[in-house]
Amino acid sequence: MIDKVFDHGRPGVDEGEVSGVDRVMPETVAVLAATDDARLREYAEDELLDDHEIERITALRDLAREAVRLNHGMYRWLCV
C-alpha cells in the first residue's frame, strides 16, 4: 500500500540510521486537498482522534491545498 502513495526516494545511511525523502504522489495530494472540514470531522470521529491529531491532519490538508494552488509537490522525510 505505501508503494502506491509514495514514490521511492533514495535512502541514506548515517551511523546506523536510515533516512530519505519520498515524494507524495500528486493524486494523493489532490485528494487530500479536496477533503472538506465535514469529512475531516467524520474521519476524526471514526478514528477516535484527539484534538492534537485533528489539528495535525487539518494542517496537512491545508498544506496539500497550498501545494495544489502553487502547483508544487509534497514530500515526506523519513528517519529510522
N, C-alpha and C. Protein backbone atom coordinates (compact mmCIF):
# COMPACT_ATOMS: atom_id res chain seq x y z
N MET A 1 0.82 -1.20 0.00
CA MET A 1 0.00 0.00 0.00
C MET A 1 0.86 1.25 0.00
N ILE A 2 1.88 1.31 0.83
CA ILE A 2 2.71 2.51 0.91
C ILE A 2 3.37 2.81 -0.43
N ASP A 3 3.68 1.78 -1.22
CA ASP A 3 4.28 1.99 -2.53
C ASP A 3 3.34 2.74 -3.45
N LYS A 4 2.05 2.64 -3.24
CA LYS A 4 1.08 3.32 -4.09
C LYS A 4 0.95 4.79 -3.71
N VAL A 5 1.33 5.15 -2.49
CA VAL A 5 1.20 6.52 -2.02
C VAL A 5 2.47 7.32 -2.26
N PHE A 6 3.63 6.69 -2.06
CA PHE A 6 4.89 7.40 -2.17
C PHE A 6 5.74 6.85 -3.30
N ASP A 7 6.38 7.76 -4.03
CA ASP A 7 7.41 7.35 -4.98
C ASP A 7 8.60 6.90 -4.14
N HIS A 8 9.43 6.08 -4.68
CA HIS A 8 10.60 5.62 -3.94
C HIS A 8 11.68 6.69 -3.95
N GLY A 9 12.11 7.10 -2.76
CA GLY A 9 13.21 8.04 -2.63
C GLY A 9 14.51 7.27 -2.55
N ARG A 10 15.57 7.97 -2.29
CA ARG A 10 16.87 7.34 -2.15
C ARG A 10 17.29 7.43 -0.69
N PRO A 11 17.16 6.34 0.03
CA PRO A 11 17.54 6.40 1.45
C PRO A 11 19.04 6.53 1.61
N GLY A 12 19.44 7.17 2.68
CA GLY A 12 20.85 7.28 3.02
C GLY A 12 21.09 6.61 4.35
N VAL A 13 22.29 6.20 4.62
CA VAL A 13 22.63 5.56 5.89
C VAL A 13 23.73 6.38 6.55
N ASP A 14 23.49 6.74 7.82
CA ASP A 14 24.47 7.52 8.57
C ASP A 14 24.50 7.00 9.99
N GLU A 15 25.60 6.39 10.37
CA GLU A 15 25.79 5.86 11.72
C GLU A 15 24.65 4.93 12.14
N GLY A 16 24.24 4.07 11.25
CA GLY A 16 23.21 3.09 11.57
C GLY A 16 21.79 3.58 11.40
N GLU A 17 21.60 4.83 11.07
CA GLU A 17 20.26 5.37 10.84
C GLU A 17 20.00 5.44 9.34
N VAL A 18 18.78 5.18 8.97
CA VAL A 18 18.38 5.28 7.57
C VAL A 18 17.48 6.51 7.45
N SER A 19 17.74 7.32 6.45
CA SER A 19 16.90 8.49 6.23
C SER A 19 16.70 8.69 4.73
N GLY A 20 15.68 9.44 4.40
CA GLY A 20 15.42 9.71 3.00
C GLY A 20 14.20 10.59 2.83
N VAL A 21 13.93 10.97 1.61
CA VAL A 21 12.79 11.80 1.27
C VAL A 21 12.00 11.10 0.17
N ASP A 22 10.69 11.01 0.38
CA ASP A 22 9.79 10.42 -0.61
C ASP A 22 8.84 11.49 -1.11
N ARG A 23 8.55 11.47 -2.39
CA ARG A 23 7.57 12.38 -2.97
C ARG A 23 6.19 11.76 -2.84
N VAL A 24 5.24 12.53 -2.30
CA VAL A 24 3.85 12.08 -2.22
C VAL A 24 3.27 12.17 -3.63
N MET A 25 2.59 11.13 -4.05
CA MET A 25 2.02 11.10 -5.40
C MET A 25 1.04 12.26 -5.57
N PRO A 26 1.07 12.95 -6.71
CA PRO A 26 0.18 14.09 -6.94
C PRO A 26 -1.31 13.76 -6.74
N GLU A 27 -1.70 12.55 -7.09
CA GLU A 27 -3.10 12.16 -6.91
C GLU A 27 -3.49 12.16 -5.43
N THR A 28 -2.57 11.74 -4.58
CA THR A 28 -2.83 11.72 -3.14
C THR A 28 -2.94 13.15 -2.61
N VAL A 29 -2.05 14.02 -3.06
CA VAL A 29 -2.09 15.43 -2.65
C VAL A 29 -3.41 16.06 -3.08
N ALA A 30 -3.86 15.78 -4.29
CA ALA A 30 -5.11 16.35 -4.80
C ALA A 30 -6.31 15.89 -3.98
N VAL A 31 -6.35 14.61 -3.64
CA VAL A 31 -7.47 14.09 -2.85
C VAL A 31 -7.47 14.71 -1.46
N LEU A 32 -6.31 14.78 -0.84
CA LEU A 32 -6.21 15.39 0.48
C LEU A 32 -6.63 16.85 0.43
N ALA A 33 -6.17 17.58 -0.57
CA ALA A 33 -6.52 19.00 -0.72
C ALA A 33 -8.02 19.20 -0.89
N ALA A 34 -8.68 18.26 -1.53
CA ALA A 34 -10.12 18.38 -1.80
C ALA A 34 -10.99 17.95 -0.62
N THR A 35 -10.38 17.45 0.44
CA THR A 35 -11.14 16.97 1.59
C THR A 35 -11.66 18.16 2.39
N ASP A 36 -12.98 18.20 2.60
CA ASP A 36 -13.56 19.33 3.32
C ASP A 36 -13.58 19.07 4.84
N ASP A 37 -13.92 20.11 5.60
CA ASP A 37 -13.91 20.02 7.06
C ASP A 37 -14.87 18.96 7.58
N ALA A 38 -16.03 18.83 6.95
CA ALA A 38 -17.00 17.83 7.41
C ALA A 38 -16.43 16.42 7.29
N ARG A 39 -15.76 16.15 6.20
CA ARG A 39 -15.15 14.82 6.02
C ARG A 39 -14.02 14.60 7.01
N LEU A 40 -13.24 15.64 7.28
CA LEU A 40 -12.18 15.51 8.29
C LEU A 40 -12.77 15.21 9.67
N ARG A 41 -13.86 15.88 10.03
CA ARG A 41 -14.52 15.61 11.32
C ARG A 41 -15.03 14.17 11.37
N GLU A 42 -15.62 13.72 10.27
CA GLU A 42 -16.12 12.34 10.21
C GLU A 42 -14.97 11.35 10.40
N TYR A 43 -13.86 11.60 9.70
CA TYR A 43 -12.67 10.75 9.82
C TYR A 43 -12.16 10.76 11.26
N ALA A 44 -12.09 11.95 11.87
CA ALA A 44 -11.60 12.07 13.24
C ALA A 44 -12.47 11.29 14.22
N GLU A 45 -13.77 11.34 14.02
CA GLU A 45 -14.69 10.58 14.88
C GLU A 45 -14.52 9.08 14.67
N ASP A 46 -14.42 8.65 13.42
CA ASP A 46 -14.25 7.23 13.11
C ASP A 46 -12.96 6.67 13.70
N GLU A 47 -11.89 7.47 13.66
CA GLU A 47 -10.58 7.02 14.11
C GLU A 47 -10.28 7.40 15.56
N LEU A 48 -11.25 8.05 16.23
CA LEU A 48 -11.11 8.46 17.63
C LEU A 48 -9.88 9.34 17.85
N LEU A 49 -9.69 10.30 16.95
CA LEU A 49 -8.54 11.19 17.04
C LEU A 49 -8.75 12.22 18.15
N ASP A 50 -7.66 12.59 18.82
CA ASP A 50 -7.76 13.64 19.83
C ASP A 50 -7.57 15.00 19.15
N ASP A 51 -7.71 16.09 19.92
CA ASP A 51 -7.63 17.43 19.34
C ASP A 51 -6.31 17.69 18.65
N HIS A 52 -5.21 17.24 19.24
CA HIS A 52 -3.90 17.44 18.65
C HIS A 52 -3.80 16.75 17.28
N GLU A 53 -4.28 15.53 17.19
CA GLU A 53 -4.25 14.79 15.92
C GLU A 53 -5.13 15.45 14.88
N ILE A 54 -6.27 15.98 15.30
CA ILE A 54 -7.17 16.68 14.38
C ILE A 54 -6.49 17.93 13.83
N GLU A 55 -5.80 18.66 14.70
CA GLU A 55 -5.07 19.85 14.26
C GLU A 55 -4.00 19.48 13.24
N ARG A 56 -3.29 18.39 13.49
CA ARG A 56 -2.22 17.97 12.58
C ARG A 56 -2.77 17.54 11.22
N ILE A 57 -3.85 16.77 11.21
CA ILE A 57 -4.40 16.31 9.93
C ILE A 57 -5.00 17.49 9.16
N THR A 58 -5.58 18.45 9.89
CA THR A 58 -6.11 19.65 9.23
C THR A 58 -4.98 20.48 8.64
N ALA A 59 -3.88 20.62 9.37
CA ALA A 59 -2.72 21.35 8.86
C ALA A 59 -2.13 20.66 7.63
N LEU A 60 -2.10 19.33 7.65
CA LEU A 60 -1.61 18.57 6.50
C LEU A 60 -2.51 18.81 5.29
N ARG A 61 -3.82 18.79 5.50
CA ARG A 61 -4.77 19.07 4.42
C ARG A 61 -4.55 20.48 3.87
N ASP A 62 -4.35 21.45 4.77
CA ASP A 62 -4.13 22.83 4.34
C ASP A 62 -2.82 22.95 3.55
N LEU A 63 -1.81 22.22 3.96
CA LEU A 63 -0.55 22.21 3.23
C LEU A 63 -0.75 21.62 1.82
N ALA A 64 -1.55 20.57 1.73
CA ALA A 64 -1.86 19.98 0.43
C ALA A 64 -2.60 20.98 -0.46
N ARG A 65 -3.51 21.75 0.13
CA ARG A 65 -4.23 22.77 -0.64
C ARG A 65 -3.26 23.82 -1.18
N GLU A 66 -2.31 24.23 -0.35
CA GLU A 66 -1.32 25.21 -0.79
C GLU A 66 -0.44 24.63 -1.89
N ALA A 67 -0.05 23.37 -1.76
CA ALA A 67 0.76 22.72 -2.79
C ALA A 67 0.02 22.68 -4.12
N VAL A 68 -1.27 22.34 -4.08
CA VAL A 68 -2.07 22.30 -5.31
C VAL A 68 -2.19 23.70 -5.91
N ARG A 69 -2.46 24.68 -5.05
CA ARG A 69 -2.62 26.06 -5.52
C ARG A 69 -1.36 26.57 -6.22
N LEU A 70 -0.20 26.21 -5.68
CA LEU A 70 1.06 26.67 -6.23
C LEU A 70 1.65 25.72 -7.27
N ASN A 71 0.93 24.60 -7.51
CA ASN A 71 1.41 23.58 -8.44
C ASN A 71 2.77 23.02 -7.99
N HIS A 72 2.88 22.77 -6.69
CA HIS A 72 4.09 22.19 -6.09
C HIS A 72 3.81 20.77 -5.63
N GLY A 73 4.85 20.05 -5.32
CA GLY A 73 4.70 18.71 -4.78
C GLY A 73 4.78 18.72 -3.26
N MET A 74 4.48 17.59 -2.67
CA MET A 74 4.66 17.39 -1.23
C MET A 74 5.62 16.23 -1.04
N TYR A 75 6.38 16.30 0.03
CA TYR A 75 7.42 15.30 0.28
C TYR A 75 7.35 14.86 1.73
N ARG A 76 7.82 13.63 1.98
CA ARG A 76 7.86 13.07 3.33
C ARG A 76 9.32 12.76 3.64
N TRP A 77 9.78 13.26 4.76
CA TRP A 77 11.12 12.96 5.24
C TRP A 77 11.01 11.80 6.22
N LEU A 78 11.93 10.87 6.13
CA LEU A 78 11.90 9.65 6.93
C LEU A 78 13.26 9.43 7.58
N CYS A 79 13.25 9.08 8.85
CA CYS A 79 14.49 8.74 9.55
C CYS A 79 14.18 7.66 10.56
N VAL A 80 14.82 6.51 10.41
CA VAL A 80 14.65 5.41 11.37
C VAL A 80 16.00 4.89 11.79
